[in-house]
Amino acid sequence: MLGWVVTFLVIALIAGILGFGGVAGASIEIAKIIFFIAVVLFLVSAVVGLARGRNRI
């Protein structure tokens, strides 16, 4: 998922350099959304992993 974030950031940088402000802004927003989704999924996965690890007998 973080690969998509990097892809959209590169698209935004190239579009910004070439003067396509609308495309650059949209790409940055998409990259932000995907990044925060990835962070939330990571945190949920970490909490579930910790919860499962503590139930050992």
N, C-alpha and C. Protein backbone atom coordinates (compact mmCIF):
# COMPACT_ATOMS: atom_id res chain seq x y z
N MET A 1 0.82 -1.18 0.00
CA MET A 1 0.00 0.00 0.00
C MET A 1 0.87 1.26 0.00
N LEU A 2 1.98 1.18 0.69
CA LEU A 2 2.86 2.35 0.70
C LEU A 2 3.50 2.58 -0.67
N GLY A 3 3.56 1.54 -1.47
CA GLY A 3 4.05 1.70 -2.84
C GLY A 3 3.15 2.61 -3.65
N TRP A 4 1.84 2.50 -3.41
CA TRP A 4 0.89 3.40 -4.08
C TRP A 4 1.10 4.84 -3.64
N VAL A 5 1.40 5.03 -2.36
CA VAL A 5 1.63 6.38 -1.85
C VAL A 5 2.83 7.01 -2.55
N VAL A 6 3.90 6.24 -2.67
CA VAL A 6 5.10 6.75 -3.35
C VAL A 6 4.80 7.04 -4.81
N THR A 7 4.01 6.19 -5.45
CA THR A 7 3.65 6.40 -6.85
C THR A 7 2.88 7.72 -7.03
N PHE A 8 1.89 7.95 -6.18
CA PHE A 8 1.12 9.18 -6.29
C PHE A 8 1.97 10.41 -5.94
N LEU A 9 2.90 10.27 -5.01
CA LEU A 9 3.78 11.39 -4.70
C LEU A 9 4.69 11.73 -5.88
N VAL A 10 5.19 10.72 -6.55
CA VAL A 10 6.04 10.96 -7.73
C VAL A 10 5.22 11.61 -8.83
N ILE A 11 3.99 11.12 -9.04
CA ILE A 11 3.12 11.74 -10.04
C ILE A 11 2.87 13.21 -9.69
N ALA A 12 2.63 13.49 -8.41
CA ALA A 12 2.38 14.86 -7.99
C ALA A 12 3.60 15.74 -8.20
N LEU A 13 4.78 15.22 -7.88
CA LEU A 13 6.00 16.01 -8.09
C LEU A 13 6.23 16.32 -9.56
N ILE A 14 6.06 15.32 -10.41
CA ILE A 14 6.26 15.54 -11.85
C ILE A 14 5.21 16.51 -12.40
N ALA A 15 3.95 16.33 -11.98
CA ALA A 15 2.90 17.23 -12.44
C ALA A 15 3.14 18.65 -11.94
N GLY A 16 3.62 18.80 -10.71
CA GLY A 16 3.92 20.12 -10.17
C GLY A 16 5.04 20.81 -10.92
N ILE A 17 6.07 20.04 -11.27
CA ILE A 17 7.20 20.60 -12.02
C ILE A 17 6.75 21.05 -13.41
N LEU A 18 5.86 20.26 -14.03
CA LEU A 18 5.40 20.58 -15.38
C LEU A 18 4.29 21.63 -15.40
N GLY A 19 3.79 22.02 -14.22
CA GLY A 19 2.80 23.09 -14.17
C GLY A 19 1.36 22.63 -14.14
N PHE A 20 1.12 21.36 -13.91
CA PHE A 20 -0.25 20.86 -13.82
C PHE A 20 -0.68 20.86 -12.36
N GLY A 21 -1.12 22.00 -11.87
CA GLY A 21 -1.45 22.16 -10.46
C GLY A 21 -2.62 21.31 -10.00
N GLY A 22 -3.62 21.17 -10.84
CA GLY A 22 -4.79 20.37 -10.46
C GLY A 22 -4.46 18.90 -10.29
N VAL A 23 -3.68 18.38 -11.22
CA VAL A 23 -3.27 16.97 -11.14
C VAL A 23 -2.37 16.76 -9.94
N ALA A 24 -1.48 17.70 -9.69
CA ALA A 24 -0.57 17.59 -8.55
C ALA A 24 -1.34 17.62 -7.24
N GLY A 25 -2.30 18.50 -7.11
CA GLY A 25 -3.10 18.59 -5.90
C GLY A 25 -3.92 17.33 -5.66
N ALA A 26 -4.51 16.83 -6.72
CA ALA A 26 -5.31 15.60 -6.59
C ALA A 26 -4.44 14.42 -6.20
N SER A 27 -3.27 14.32 -6.79
CA SER A 27 -2.36 13.22 -6.48
C SER A 27 -1.89 13.28 -5.03
N ILE A 28 -1.62 14.47 -4.55
CA ILE A 28 -1.20 14.63 -3.15
C ILE A 28 -2.33 14.20 -2.21
N GLU A 29 -3.55 14.59 -2.51
CA GLU A 29 -4.68 14.21 -1.66
C GLU A 29 -4.89 12.71 -1.64
N ILE A 30 -4.79 12.07 -2.81
CA ILE A 30 -4.93 10.61 -2.88
C ILE A 30 -3.81 9.94 -2.09
N ALA A 31 -2.59 10.46 -2.21
CA ALA A 31 -1.46 9.89 -1.49
C ALA A 31 -1.66 10.02 0.03
N LYS A 32 -2.20 11.15 0.48
CA LYS A 32 -2.46 11.34 1.91
C LYS A 32 -3.49 10.34 2.42
N ILE A 33 -4.57 10.18 1.67
CA ILE A 33 -5.63 9.26 2.08
C ILE A 33 -5.11 7.84 2.17
N ILE A 34 -4.38 7.39 1.15
CA ILE A 34 -3.85 6.03 1.15
C ILE A 34 -2.84 5.86 2.28
N PHE A 35 -2.04 6.87 2.55
CA PHE A 35 -1.06 6.79 3.63
C PHE A 35 -1.75 6.61 4.98
N PHE A 36 -2.79 7.40 5.25
CA PHE A 36 -3.47 7.29 6.53
C PHE A 36 -4.22 5.97 6.66
N ILE A 37 -4.76 5.45 5.56
CA ILE A 37 -5.38 4.13 5.59
C ILE A 37 -4.33 3.07 5.93
N ALA A 38 -3.15 3.19 5.34
CA ALA A 38 -2.08 2.23 5.61
C ALA A 38 -1.63 2.30 7.07
N VAL A 39 -1.55 3.50 7.64
CA VAL A 39 -1.16 3.65 9.05
C VAL A 39 -2.22 3.03 9.95
N VAL A 40 -3.50 3.27 9.67
CA VAL A 40 -4.57 2.70 10.49
C VAL A 40 -4.55 1.18 10.41
N LEU A 41 -4.38 0.62 9.22
CA LEU A 41 -4.32 -0.83 9.08
C LEU A 41 -3.11 -1.41 9.81
N PHE A 42 -1.99 -0.72 9.79
CA PHE A 42 -0.82 -1.17 10.52
C PHE A 42 -1.08 -1.19 12.02
N LEU A 43 -1.69 -0.12 12.54
CA LEU A 43 -1.97 -0.06 13.97
C LEU A 43 -2.96 -1.14 14.39
N VAL A 44 -3.99 -1.38 13.60
CA VAL A 44 -4.94 -2.44 13.91
C VAL A 44 -4.24 -3.79 13.90
N SER A 45 -3.40 -4.02 12.93
CA SER A 45 -2.66 -5.27 12.84
C SER A 45 -1.73 -5.45 14.04
N ALA A 46 -1.08 -4.38 14.46
CA ALA A 46 -0.18 -4.45 15.61
C ALA A 46 -0.95 -4.76 16.90
N VAL A 47 -2.10 -4.12 17.09
CA VAL A 47 -2.90 -4.36 18.29
C VAL A 47 -3.42 -5.79 18.31
N VAL A 48 -3.90 -6.28 17.18
CA VAL A 48 -4.40 -7.65 17.10
C VAL A 48 -3.25 -8.64 17.36
N GLY A 49 -2.09 -8.36 16.82
CA GLY A 49 -0.93 -9.23 17.04
C GLY A 49 -0.52 -9.26 18.50
N LEU A 50 -0.55 -8.12 19.16
CA LEU A 50 -0.20 -8.07 20.58
C LEU A 50 -1.26 -8.80 21.42
N ALA A 51 -2.52 -8.64 21.07
CA ALA A 51 -3.60 -9.30 21.81
C ALA A 51 -3.49 -10.81 21.68
N ARG A 52 -3.18 -11.31 20.51
CA ARG A 52 -3.04 -12.74 20.33
C ARG A 52 -1.82 -13.30 21.03
N GLY A 53 -0.77 -12.52 21.09
CA GLY A 53 0.47 -12.98 21.70
C GLY A 53 0.39 -13.11 23.21
N ARG A 54 -0.53 -12.40 23.85
CA ARG A 54 -0.63 -12.43 25.30
C ARG A 54 -1.51 -13.57 25.83
N ASN A 55 -2.18 -14.28 24.99
CA ASN A 55 -3.09 -15.34 25.43
C ASN A 55 -2.40 -16.70 25.53
N ARG A 56 -1.12 -16.74 25.62
CA ARG A 56 -0.41 -18.02 25.73
C ARG A 56 -0.56 -18.59 27.13
N ILE A 57 -0.62 -19.89 27.21
CA ILE A 57 -0.76 -20.55 28.52
C ILE A 57 0.58 -21.11 28.96
